[in-house]
PDB file of N, CA and C in Angstrom:
ATOM      1  N   MET A   1      -0.050 -12.904-107.118  1.00  0.00           N
ATOM      2  CA  MET A   1      -1.248 -12.529-106.413  1.00  0.00           C
ATOM      3  C   MET A   1      -1.802 -11.231-107.000  1.00  0.00           C
ATOM      4  N   GLU A   2      -0.937 -10.257-107.170  1.00  0.00           N
ATOM      5  CA  GLU A   2      -1.334  -8.968-107.751  1.00  0.00           C
ATOM      6  C   GLU A   2      -1.900  -9.159-109.153  1.00  0.00           C
ATOM      7  N   GLU A   3      -1.248 -10.042-109.907  1.00  0.00           N
ATOM      8  CA  GLU A   3      -1.667 -10.243-111.286  1.00  0.00           C
ATOM      9  C   GLU A   3      -3.068 -10.843-111.345  1.00  0.00           C
ATOM     10  N   GLY A   4      -3.375 -11.764-110.435  1.00  0.00           N
ATOM     11  CA  GLY A   4      -4.688 -12.391-110.413  1.00  0.00           C
ATOM     12  C   GLY A   4      -5.776 -11.375-110.120  1.00  0.00           C
ATOM     13  N   MET A   5      -5.497 -10.443-109.209  1.00  0.00           N
ATOM     14  CA  MET A   5      -6.468  -9.409-108.864  1.00  0.00           C
ATOM     15  C   MET A   5      -6.695  -8.472-110.058  1.00  0.00           C
ATOM     16  N   GLN A   6      -5.635  -8.175-110.767  1.00  0.00           N
ATOM     17  CA  GLN A   6      -5.776  -7.298-111.925  1.00  0.00           C
ATOM     18  C   GLN A   6      -6.577  -7.986-113.028  1.00  0.00           C
ATOM     19  N   MET A   7      -6.379  -9.284-113.170  1.00  0.00           N
ATOM     20  CA  MET A   7      -7.118 -10.026-114.190  1.00  0.00           C
ATOM     21  C   MET A   7      -8.614 -10.044-113.855  1.00  0.00           C
ATOM     22  N   LEU A   8      -8.929 -10.171-112.550  1.00  0.00           N
ATOM     23  CA  LEU A   8     -10.334 -10.176-112.133  1.00  0.00           C
ATOM     24  C   LEU A   8     -10.998  -8.828-112.408  1.00  0.00           C
ATOM     25  N   ARG A   9     -10.239  -7.770-112.273  1.00  0.00           N
ATOM     26  CA  ARG A   9     -10.801  -6.434-112.515  1.00  0.00           C
ATOM     27  C   ARG A   9     -11.115  -6.207-113.986  1.00  0.00           C
ATOM     28  N   LEU A  10     -10.398  -6.923-114.845  1.00  0.00           N
ATOM     29  CA  LEU A  10     -10.617  -6.752-116.284  1.00  0.00           C
ATOM     30  C   LEU A  10     -11.873  -7.475-116.769  1.00  0.00           C
ATOM     31  N   ILE A  11     -12.340  -8.473-116.010  1.00  0.00           N
ATOM     32  CA  ILE A  11     -13.526  -9.222-116.413  1.00  0.00           C
ATOM     33  C   ILE A  11     -14.755  -8.347-116.175  1.00  0.00           C
ATOM     34  N   PRO A  12     -15.650  -8.265-117.133  1.00  0.00           N
ATOM     35  CA  PRO A  12     -16.849  -7.431-116.962  1.00  0.00           C
ATOM     36  C   PRO A  12     -17.744  -7.960-115.825  1.00  0.00           C
ATOM     37  N   GLN A  13     -18.309  -7.043-115.074  1.00  0.00           N
ATOM     38  CA  GLN A  13     -19.159  -7.408-113.938  1.00  0.00           C
ATOM     39  C   GLN A  13     -20.405  -8.165-114.394  1.00  0.00           C
ATOM     40  N   GLU A  14     -20.934  -7.833-115.556  1.00  0.00           N
ATOM     41  CA  GLU A  14     -22.119  -8.523-116.048  1.00  0.00           C
ATOM     42  C   GLU A  14     -21.831 -10.009-116.268  1.00  0.00           C
ATOM     43  N   PHE A  15     -20.622 -10.291-116.790  1.00  0.00           N
ATOM     44  CA  PHE A  15     -20.229 -11.681-117.016  1.00  0.00           C
ATOM     45  C   PHE A  15     -20.108 -12.436-115.694  1.00  0.00           C
ATOM     46  N   VAL A  16     -19.528 -11.791-114.694  1.00  0.00           N
ATOM     47  CA  VAL A  16     -19.363 -12.417-113.378  1.00  0.00           C
ATOM     48  C   VAL A  16     -20.736 -12.708-112.764  1.00  0.00           C
ATOM     49  N   LYS A  17     -21.638 -11.742-112.824  1.00  0.00           N
ATOM     50  CA  LYS A  17     -22.981 -11.935-112.269  1.00  0.00           C
ATOM     51  C   LYS A  17     -23.728 -13.035-113.004  1.00  0.00           C
ATOM     52  N   ALA A  18     -23.610 -13.058-114.321  1.00  0.00           N
ATOM     53  CA  ALA A  18     -24.299 -14.085-115.103  1.00  0.00           C
ATOM     54  C   ALA A  18     -23.750 -15.476-114.770  1.00  0.00           C
ATOM     55  N   THR A  19     -22.429 -15.564-114.610  1.00  0.00           N
ATOM     56  CA  THR A  19     -21.808 -16.840-114.268  1.00  0.00           C
ATOM     57  C   THR A  19     -22.259 -17.309-112.886  1.00  0.00           C
ATOM     58  N   GLU A  20     -22.271 -16.401-111.919  1.00  0.00           N
ATOM     59  CA  GLU A  20     -22.711 -16.752-110.563  1.00  0.00           C
ATOM     60  C   GLU A  20     -24.178 -17.201-110.567  1.00  0.00           C
ATOM     61  N   LYS A  21     -24.995 -16.507-111.337  1.00  0.00           N
ATOM     62  CA  LYS A  21     -26.413 -16.854-111.426  1.00  0.00           C
ATOM     63  C   LYS A  21     -26.595 -18.244-112.034  1.00  0.00           C
ATOM     64  N   ALA A  22     -25.821 -18.531-113.080  1.00  0.00           N
ATOM     65  CA  ALA A  22     -25.916 -19.836-113.734  1.00  0.00           C
ATOM     66  C   ALA A  22     -25.464 -20.949-112.783  1.00  0.00           C
ATOM     67  N   ARG A  23     -24.393 -20.714-112.037  1.00  0.00           N
ATOM     68  CA  ARG A  23     -23.908 -21.723-111.083  1.00  0.00           C
ATOM     69  C   ARG A  23     -24.928 -21.960-109.973  1.00  0.00           C
ATOM     70  N   GLU A  24     -25.517 -20.884-109.491  1.00  0.00           N
ATOM     71  CA  GLU A  24     -26.531 -21.006-108.432  1.00  0.00           C
ATOM     72  C   GLU A  24     -27.747 -21.783-108.958  1.00  0.00           C
ATOM     73  N   LYS A  25     -28.124 -21.527-110.195  1.00  0.00           N
ATOM     74  CA  LYS A  25     -29.251 -22.245-110.793  1.00  0.00           C
ATOM     75  C   LYS A  25     -28.927 -23.730-110.934  1.00  0.00           C
ATOM     76  N   GLU A  26     -27.708 -24.050-111.351  1.00  0.00           N
ATOM     77  CA  GLU A  26     -27.292 -25.444-111.465  1.00  0.00           C
ATOM     78  C   GLU A  26     -27.287 -26.122-110.093  1.00  0.00           C
ATOM     79  N   ARG A  27     -26.817 -25.403-109.066  1.00  0.00           N
ATOM     80  CA  ARG A  27     -26.780 -25.958-107.715  1.00  0.00           C
ATOM     81  C   ARG A  27     -28.190 -26.276-107.213  1.00  0.00           C
ATOM     82  N   ARG A  28     -29.121 -25.335-107.442  1.00  0.00           N
ATOM     83  CA  ARG A  28     -30.503 -25.555-107.016  1.00  0.00           C
ATOM     84  C   ARG A  28     -31.133 -26.734-107.763  1.00  0.00           C
ATOM     85  N   GLU A  29     -30.858 -26.822-109.062  1.00  0.00           N
ATOM     86  CA  GLU A  29     -31.405 -27.907-109.877  1.00  0.00           C
ATOM     87  C   GLU A  29     -30.864 -29.257-109.409  1.00  0.00           C
ATOM     88  N   LYS A  30     -29.569 -29.312-109.097  1.00  0.00           N
ATOM     89  CA  LYS A  30     -28.971 -30.562-108.616  1.00  0.00           C
ATOM     90  C   LYS A  30     -29.556 -30.932-107.255  1.00  0.00           C
ATOM     91  N   ALA A  31     -29.753 -29.947-106.378  1.00  0.00           N
ATOM     92  CA  ALA A  31     -30.351 -30.218-105.068  1.00  0.00           C
ATOM     93  C   ALA A  31     -31.778 -30.726-105.234  1.00  0.00           C
ATOM     94  N   ARG A  32     -32.511 -30.150-106.159  1.00  0.00           N
ATOM     95  CA  ARG A  32     -33.886 -30.588-106.425  1.00  0.00           C
ATOM     96  C   ARG A  32     -33.899 -32.030-106.935  1.00  0.00           C
ATOM     97  N   GLU A  33     -32.987 -32.351-107.857  1.00  0.00           N
ATOM     98  CA  GLU A  33     -32.911 -33.712-108.385  1.00  0.00           C
ATOM     99  C   GLU A  33     -32.535 -34.710-107.292  1.00  0.00           C
ATOM    100  N   ASP A  34     -31.575 -34.339-106.435  1.00  0.00           N
ATOM    101  CA  ASP A  34     -31.176 -35.219-105.328  1.00  0.00           C
ATOM    102  C   ASP A  34     -32.344 -35.460-104.387  1.00  0.00           C
ATOM    103  N   ASN A  35     -33.092 -34.400-104.093  1.00  0.00           N
ATOM    104  CA  ASN A  35     -34.251 -34.521-103.202  1.00  0.00           C
ATOM    105  C   ASN A  35     -35.307 -35.432-103.817  1.00  0.00           C
ATOM    106  N   MET A  36     -35.568 -35.269-105.104  1.00  0.00           N
ATOM    107  CA  MET A  36     -36.553 -36.106-105.781  1.00  0.00           C
ATOM    108  C   MET A  36     -36.095 -37.571-105.808  1.00  0.00           C
ATOM    109  N   ALA A  37     -34.799 -37.794-106.005  1.00  0.00           N
ATOM    110  CA  ALA A  37     -34.275 -39.155-106.019  1.00  0.00           C
ATOM    111  C   ALA A  37     -34.420 -39.795-104.632  1.00  0.00           C
ATOM    112  N   ALA A  38     -34.158 -39.018-103.581  1.00  0.00           N
ATOM    113  CA  ALA A  38     -34.304 -39.536-102.220  1.00  0.00           C
ATOM    114  C   ALA A  38     -35.764 -39.873-101.923  1.00  0.00           C
ATOM    115  N   LEU A  39     -36.671 -39.018-102.358  1.00  0.00           N
ATOM    116  CA  LEU A  39     -38.094 -39.284-102.155  1.00  0.00           C
ATOM    117  C   LEU A  39     -38.538 -40.532-102.912  1.00  0.00           C
ATOM    118  N   ALA A  40     -38.043 -40.683-104.136  1.00  0.00           N
ATOM    119  CA  ALA A  40     -38.405 -41.859-104.934  1.00  0.00           C
ATOM    120  C   ALA A  40     -37.873 -43.130-104.278  1.00  0.00           C
ATOM    121  N   ALA A  41     -36.651 -43.080-103.750  1.00  0.00           N
ATOM    122  CA  ALA A  41     -36.079 -44.254-103.082  1.00  0.00           C
ATOM    123  C   ALA A  41     -36.876 -44.593-101.825  1.00  0.00           C
ATOM    124  N   ALA A  42     -37.286 -43.578-101.071  1.00  0.00           N
ATOM    125  CA  ALA A  42     -38.073 -43.815 -99.861  1.00  0.00           C
ATOM    126  C   ALA A  42     -39.432 -44.416-100.211  1.00  0.00           C
ATOM    127  N   MET A  43     -40.055 -43.916-101.250  1.00  0.00           N
ATOM    128  CA  MET A  43     -41.356 -44.455-101.667  1.00  0.00           C
ATOM    129  C   MET A  43     -41.217 -45.903-102.153  1.00  0.00           C
ATOM    130  N   GLU A  44     -40.129 -46.190-102.855  1.00  0.00           N
ATOM    131  CA  GLU A  44     -39.896 -47.562-103.330  1.00  0.00           C
ATOM    132  C   GLU A  44     -39.708 -48.501-102.140  1.00  0.00           C
ATOM    133  N   GLU A  45     -38.939 -48.069-101.144  1.00  0.00           N
ATOM    134  CA  GLU A  45     -38.732 -48.880 -99.938  1.00  0.00           C
ATOM    135  C   GLU A  45     -40.057 -49.102 -99.211  1.00  0.00           C
ATOM    136  N   ARG A  46     -40.867 -48.073 -99.132  1.00  0.00           N
ATOM    137  CA  ARG A  46     -42.170 -48.181 -98.483  1.00  0.00           C
ATOM    138  C   ARG A  46     -43.071 -49.161 -99.237  1.00  0.00           C
ATOM    139  N   ARG A  47     -43.036 -49.092-100.566  1.00  0.00           N
ATOM    140  CA  ARG A  47     -43.841 -49.988-101.390  1.00  0.00           C
ATOM    141  C   ARG A  47     -43.400 -51.431-101.206  1.00  0.00           C
ATOM    142  N   ILE A  48     -42.107 -51.653-101.138  1.00  0.00           N
ATOM    143  CA  ILE A  48     -41.572 -53.002-100.951  1.00  0.00           C
ATOM    144  C   ILE A  48     -42.001 -53.558 -99.591  1.00  0.00           C
ATOM    145  N   ARG A  49     -41.907 -52.742 -98.528  1.00  0.00           N
ATOM    146  CA  ARG A  49     -42.324 -53.185 -97.193  1.00  0.00           C
ATOM    147  C   ARG A  49     -43.815 -53.516 -97.178  1.00  0.00           C
ATOM    148  N   SER A  50     -44.610 -52.701 -97.857  1.00  0.00           N
ATOM    149  CA  SER A  50     -46.048 -52.944 -97.914  1.00  0.00           C
ATOM    150  C   SER A  50     -46.336 -54.258 -98.638  1.00  0.00           C
ATOM    151  N   LEU A  51     -45.632 -54.505 -99.700  1.00  0.00           N
ATOM    152  CA  LEU A  51     -45.814 -55.743-100.461  1.00  0.00           C
ATOM    153  C   LEU A  51     -45.419 -56.955 -99.617  1.00  0.00           C
ATOM    154  N   GLU A  52     -44.327 -56.832 -98.867  1.00  0.00           N
ATOM    155  CA  GLU A  52     -43.909 -57.934 -97.994  1.00  0.00           C
ATOM    156  C   GLU A  52     -44.950 -58.194 -96.902  1.00  0.00           C
ATOM    157  N   ARG A  53     -45.532 -57.148 -96.357  1.00  0.00           N
ATOM    158  CA  ARG A  53     -46.567 -57.304 -95.334  1.00  0.00           C
ATOM    159  C   ARG A  53     -47.789 -58.008 -95.908  1.00  0.00           C
ATOM    160  N   SER A  54     -48.143 -57.655 -97.139  1.00  0.00           N
ATOM    161  CA  SER A  54     -49.335 -58.270 -97.731  1.00  0.00           C
ATOM    162  C   SER A  54     -49.103 -59.735 -98.075  1.00  0.00           C
ATOM    163  N   LYS A  55     -47.858 -60.106 -98.366  1.00  0.00           N
ATOM    164  CA  LYS A  55     -47.555 -61.491 -98.706  1.00  0.00           C
ATOM    165  C   LYS A  55     -47.286 -62.348 -97.475  1.00  0.00           C
ATOM    166  N   ALA A  56     -47.069 -61.724 -96.325  1.00  0.00           N
ATOM    167  CA  ALA A  56     -46.767 -62.468 -95.102  1.00  0.00           C
ATOM    168  C   ALA A  56     -48.002 -63.248 -94.663  1.00  0.00           C
ATOM    169  N   PRO A  57     -47.782 -64.389 -93.999  1.00  0.00           N
ATOM    170  CA  PRO A  57     -48.931 -65.158 -93.523  1.00  0.00           C
ATOM    171  C   PRO A  57     -49.688 -64.378 -92.445  1.00  0.00           C
ATOM    172  N   ILE A  58     -50.971 -64.673 -92.358  1.00  0.00           N
ATOM    173  CA  ILE A  58     -51.816 -63.981 -91.391  1.00  0.00           C
ATOM    174  C   ILE A  58     -51.454 -64.451 -89.999  1.00  0.00           C
ATOM    175  N   PHE A  59     -51.280 -63.518 -89.084  1.00  0.00           N
ATOM    176  CA  PHE A  59     -50.934 -63.838 -87.711  1.00  0.00           C
ATOM    177  C   PHE A  59     -52.207 -64.210 -86.973  1.00  0.00           C
ATOM    178  N   LYS A  60     -52.279 -65.451 -86.532  1.00  0.00           N
ATOM    179  CA  LYS A  60     -53.458 -65.904 -85.798  1.00  0.00           C
ATOM    180  C   LYS A  60     -53.057 -66.172 -84.360  1.00  0.00           C
ATOM    181  N   ARG A  61     -53.852 -65.678 -83.458  1.00  0.00           N
ATOM    182  CA  ARG A  61     -53.584 -65.917 -82.049  1.00  0.00           C
ATOM    183  C   ARG A  61     -54.007 -67.336 -81.704  1.00  0.00           C
ATOM    184  N   ILE A  62     -53.180 -67.967 -80.898  1.00  0.00           N
ATOM    185  CA  ILE A  62     -53.514 -69.315 -80.473  1.00  0.00           C
ATOM    186  C   ILE A  62     -53.614 -69.331 -78.958  1.00  0.00           C
ATOM    187  N   GLY A  63     -54.396 -70.247 -78.463  1.00  0.00           N
ATOM    188  CA  GLY A  63     -54.536 -70.364 -77.025  1.00  0.00           C
ATOM    189  C   GLY A  63     -55.693 -69.524 -76.509  1.00  0.00           C
ATOM    190  N   LYS A  64     -55.863 -69.594 -75.229  1.00  0.00           N
ATOM    191  CA  LYS A  64     -56.961 -68.886 -74.588  1.00  0.00           C
ATOM    192  C   LYS A  64     -56.614 -67.408 -74.443  1.00  0.00           C
ATOM    193  N   PRO A  65     -57.536 -66.510 -74.826  1.00  0.00           N
ATOM    194  CA  PRO A  65     -57.231 -65.083 -74.686  1.00  0.00           C
ATOM    195  C   PRO A  65     -57.211 -64.672 -73.216  1.00  0.00           C
ATOM    196  N   PRO A  66     -56.420 -63.708 -72.863  1.00  0.00           N
ATOM    197  CA  PRO A  66     -56.364 -63.275 -71.465  1.00  0.00           C
ATOM    198  C   PRO A  66     -57.687 -62.632 -71.052  1.00  0.00           C
ATOM    199  N   MET A  67     -58.098 -62.928 -69.843  1.00  0.00           N
ATOM    200  CA  MET A  67     -59.351 -62.386 -69.323  1.00  0.00           C
ATOM    201  C   MET A  67     -59.109 -61.024 -68.701  1.00  0.00           C
ATOM    202  N   PRO A  68     -60.002 -60.094 -68.956  1.00  0.00           N
ATOM    203  CA  PRO A  68     -59.857 -58.802 -68.280  1.00  0.00           C
ATOM    204  C   PRO A  68     -60.183 -58.954 -66.801  1.00  0.00           C
ATOM    205  N   ARG A  69     -59.408 -58.364 -65.960  1.00  0.00           N
ATOM    206  CA  ARG A  69     -59.596 -58.482 -64.524  1.00  0.00           C
ATOM    207  C   ARG A  69     -60.049 -57.153 -63.960  1.00  0.00           C
ATOM    208  N   SER A  70     -60.933 -57.250 -62.983  1.00  0.00           N
ATOM    209  CA  SER A  70     -61.348 -56.040 -62.290  1.00  0.00           C
ATOM    210  C   SER A  70     -60.705 -56.047 -60.916  1.00  0.00           C
ATOM    211  N   PHE A  71     -60.318 -54.899 -60.476  1.00  0.00           N
ATOM    212  CA  PHE A  71     -59.661 -54.775 -59.189  1.00  0.00           C
ATOM    213  C   PHE A  71     -60.594 -54.069 -58.219  1.00  0.00           C
ATOM    214  N   LEU A  72     -60.593 -54.528 -56.980  1.00  0.00           N
ATOM    215  CA  LEU A  72     -61.413 -53.902 -55.959  1.00  0.00           C
ATOM    216  C   LEU A  72     -60.873 -52.515 -55.656  1.00  0.00           C
ATOM    217  N   PRO A  73     -61.769 -51.569 -55.392  1.00  0.00           N
ATOM    218  CA  PRO A  73     -61.273 -50.233 -55.048  1.00  0.00           C
ATOM    219  C   PRO A  73     -60.545 -50.272 -53.712  1.00  0.00           C
ATOM    220  N   LYS A  74     -59.527 -49.466 -53.621  1.00  0.00           N
ATOM    221  CA  LYS A  74     -58.761 -49.423 -52.386  1.00  0.00           C
ATOM    222  C   LYS A  74     -59.592 -48.754 -51.296  1.00  0.00           C
ATOM    223  N   LYS A  75     -59.488 -49.289 -50.097  1.00  0.00           N
ATOM    224  CA  LYS A  75     -60.236 -48.725 -48.983  1.00  0.00           C
ATOM    225  C   LYS A  75     -59.550 -47.455 -48.513  1.00  0.00           C
ATOM    226  N   LYS A  76     -60.362 -46.449 -48.270  1.00  0.00           N
ATOM    227  CA  LYS A  76     -59.823 -45.184 -47.797  1.00  0.00           C
ATOM    228  C   LYS A  76     -59.604 -45.267 -46.298  1.00  0.00           C
ATOM    229  N   LYS A  77     -58.530 -44.676 -45.869  1.00  0.00           N
ATOM    230  CA  LYS A  77     -58.254 -44.645 -44.440  1.00  0.00           C
ATOM    231  C   LYS A  77     -59.163 -43.626 -43.790  1.00  0.00           C
ATOM    232  N   LYS A  78     -59.626 -43.962 -42.619  1.00  0.00           N
ATOM    233  CA  LYS A  78     -60.486 -43.036 -41.895  1.00  0.00           C
ATOM    234  C   LYS A  78     -59.625 -41.907 -41.359  1.00  0.00           C
ATOM    235  N   GLY A  79     -60.088 -40.692 -41.543  1.00  0.00           N
ATOM    236  CA  GLY A  79     -59.323 -39.522 -41.133  1.00  0.00           C
ATOM    237  C   GLY A  79     -59.658 -39.084 -39.723  1.00  0.00           C
ATOM    238  N   GLY A  80     -59.441 -39.903 -38.742  1.00  0.00           N
ATOM    239  CA  GLY A  80     -59.750 -39.559 -37.364  1.00  0.00           C
ATOM    240  C   GLY A  80     -58.834 -38.480 -36.818  1.00  0.00           C
ATOM    241  N   GLY A  81     -57.612 -38.425 -37.262  1.00  0.00           N
ATOM    242  CA  GLY A  81     -56.669 -37.453 -36.725  1.00  0.00           C
ATOM    243  C   GLY A  81     -56.735 -36.105 -37.415  1.00  0.00           C
ATOM    244  N   ASP A  82     -57.505 -35.971 -38.489  1.00  0.00           N
ATOM    245  CA  ASP A  82     -57.581 -34.717 -39.243  1.00  0.00           C
ATOM    246  C   ASP A  82     -58.623 -33.802 -38.616  1.00  0.00           C
ATOM    247  N   LYS A  83     -58.199 -32.628 -38.166  1.00  0.00           N
ATOM    248  CA  LYS A  83     -59.107 -31.717 -37.461  1.00  0.00           C
ATOM    249  C   LYS A  83     -59.705 -30.670 -38.400  1.00  0.00           C
ATOM    250  N   THR A  84     -59.262 -30.583 -39.636  1.00  0.00           N
ATOM    251  CA  THR A  84     -59.808 -29.593 -40.560  1.00  0.00           C
ATOM    252  C   THR A  84     -61.070 -30.108 -41.223  1.00  0.00           C
ATOM    253  N   GLY A  85     -61.420 -31.357 -41.046  1.00  0.00           N
ATOM    254  CA  GLY A  85     -62.597 -31.940 -41.679  1.00  0.00           C
ATOM    255  C   GLY A  85     -63.879 -31.312 -41.190  1.00  0.00           C
ATOM    256  N   GLY A  86     -63.959 -30.935 -39.913  1.00  0.00           N
ATOM    257  CA  GLY A  86     -65.175 -30.343 -39.381  1.00  0.00           C
ATOM    258  C   GLY A  86     -65.407 -28.945 -39.893  1.00  0.00           C
ATOM    259  N   GLY A  87     -64.376 -28.221 -40.233  1.00  0.00           N
ATOM    260  CA  GLY A  87     -64.494 -26.848 -40.698  1.00  0.00           C
ATOM    261  C   GLY A  87     -65.065 -26.755 -42.093  1.00  0.00           C
ATOM    262  N   ASP A  88     -64.972 -27.806 -42.877  1.00  0.00           N
ATOM    263  CA  ASP A  88     -65.462 -27.792 -44.261  1.00  0.00           C
ATOM    264  C   ASP A  88     -66.972 -27.611 -44.289  1.00  0.00           C
ATOM    265  N   ASP A  89     -67.687 -28.257 -43.383  1.00  0.00           N
ATOM    266  CA  ASP A  89     -69.149 -28.133 -43.355  1.00  0.00           C
ATOM    267  C   ASP A  89     -69.549 -26.707 -42.996  1.00  0.00           C
ATOM    268  N   ALA A  90     -68.849 -26.109 -42.075  1.00  0.00           N
ATOM    269  CA  ALA A  90     -69.163 -24.742 -41.657  1.00  0.00           C
ATOM    270  C   ALA A  90     -68.883 -23.768 -42.800  1.00  0.00           C
ATOM    271  N   GLU A  91     -67.787 -23.976 -43.515  1.00  0.00           N
ATOM    272  CA  GLU A  91     -67.461 -23.106 -44.641  1.00  0.00           C
ATOM    273  C   GLU A  91     -68.493 -23.247 -45.761  1.00  0.00           C
ATOM    274  N   LEU A  92     -68.924 -24.463 -45.999  1.00  0.00           N
ATOM    275  CA  LEU A  92     -69.922 -24.698 -47.030  1.00  0.00           C
ATOM    276  C   LEU A  92     -71.238 -24.023 -46.673  1.00  0.00           C
ATOM    277  N   ALA A  93     -71.651 -24.142 -45.419  1.00  0.00           N
ATOM    278  CA  ALA A  93     -72.894 -23.504 -44.976  1.00  0.00           C
ATOM    279  C   ALA A  93     -72.782 -21.994 -45.099  1.00  0.00           C
ATOM    280  N   GLU A  94     -71.633 -21.437 -44.744  1.00  0.00           N
ATOM    281  CA  GLU A  94     -71.424 -19.987 -44.839  1.00  0.00           C
ATOM    282  C   GLU A  94     -71.486 -19.540 -46.300  1.00  0.00           C
ATOM    283  N   PHE A  95     -70.889 -20.324 -47.187  1.00  0.00           N
ATOM    284  CA  PHE A  95     -70.876 -19.984 -48.599  1.00  0.00           C
ATOM    285  C   PHE A  95     -72.289 -20.017 -49.179  1.00  0.00           C
ATOM    286  N   LEU A  96     -73.078 -21.018 -48.805  1.00  0.00           N
ATOM    287  CA  LEU A  96     -74.423 -21.150 -49.330  1.00  0.00           C
ATOM    288  C   LEU A  96     -75.363 -20.094 -48.764  1.00  0.00           C
ATOM    289  N   ALA A  97     -75.028 -19.574 -47.603  1.00  0.00           N
ATOM    290  CA  ALA A  97     -75.883 -18.560 -46.959  1.00  0.00           C
ATOM    291  C   ALA A  97     -75.684 -17.177 -47.555  1.00  0.00           C
ATOM    292  N   ARG A  98     -74.641 -16.980 -48.328  1.00  0.00           N
ATOM    293  CA  ARG A  98     -74.359 -15.644 -48.890  1.00  0.00           C
ATOM    294  C   ARG A  98     -75.431 -15.242 -49.899  1.00  0.00           C
ATOM    295  N   ASP A  99     -75.666 -13.944 -49.964  1.00  0.00           N
ATOM    296  CA  ASP A  99     -76.598 -13.371 -50.941  1.00  0.00           C
ATOM    297  C   ASP A  99     -75.799 -12.777 -52.100  1.00  0.00           C
ATOM    298  N   TYR A 100     -76.103 -13.181 -53.299  1.00  0.00           N
ATOM    299  CA  TYR A 100     -75.394 -12.640 -54.460  1.00  0.00           C
ATOM    300  C   TYR A 100     -76.343 -11.820 -55.291  1.00  0.00           C
TER     301      TYR A 100
END
């Protein structure tokens, strides 16, 4: 263990830095190539799917199309038990009577 540490101390720092820089550059280049290969494979798969869609027979609907239906509006319940309904008119009149 001691001997390995002494051997590392004898190696020039410039050489160590240059080696680390070269390895980092190789790592980045390999990552870039892998990314480009993945993108190319995805584009090829997309192209193949598009080609299959274009060669597929046209989907034609058969039978009678569904008719759009209209629904009657729901009837509102009469608010006979609500006592705050009468106060709204008074508040509105008071608001409109204000001078701004």
